[in-house]
Amino acid sequence: MVEAPEPLAGMTLNERLYARGLFDQFDTALADRNRPALRKVLIEVEVSDVNGTLDQLLDASPEIGS
């Protein structure tokens, strides 16, 4: 029998990423400021406001090499 994924409701973003094994993928996308890749991860971890979260993440993270 295949085990169902852990429910994500009530978890923080970091908890959701950990539960789905997506920390490395998320960190790479954030470091690269890769909006499409970040969007994919956020959708996979069931973030309700993907666009707002993307805006916050990309506005808050310093640009690499600045």
Foldseek 3Di string as FASTA:
>chain_A
DDDDQDDLPPHDPVVLCVSVVNPVQCVVCLLVLPLVSNLVVCVVSPDPCSPVVSVVSNVPDDHPPD
